[in-house]
Amino acid sequence: TQAAEAAVNAAAAAGLMDADAAEEKKRELQQAAEARERLGRLRLFESDLALLGFEAVSEDDLLALDEKALRAQFRLRSRELHPDAATEEELAGRPSVYELNAAYTSLLKLVR
């Protein structure tokens, strides 16, 4: 992004782009860099995302992931995995509620 910003500054200095267009281009570059960084951080937590039910989510949906959507999915999965809601046989081999809570807490820190 620094190289791209330098190119925009050079184009503006050379008169190829006016100052307003240069500032707009810099904002676009900054937003794209922030989106790539956020997506990269979220991809580090793919197992947590999968545990909460976000395994088949597009990149755009991941970038749009907010606290409200995360909480809704957490509550849905909590009902499925809670020991009071199912028998031991149904829960055998499935993640525990404690694992779900840890995944939710980790992802919540990323989306805030």
Foldseek 3Di string as FASTA:
>chain_A
DVVVLVVLVVCCVVVVDPPVVSVVVVVVVVVVVVLVVLLVVVVVLQVLCVLLPNNPPDSVVSSVDAPVVLVVSLVVSCCVAPPVNDPPVSNPPRDHNVSNVVSSVVVNVSRD
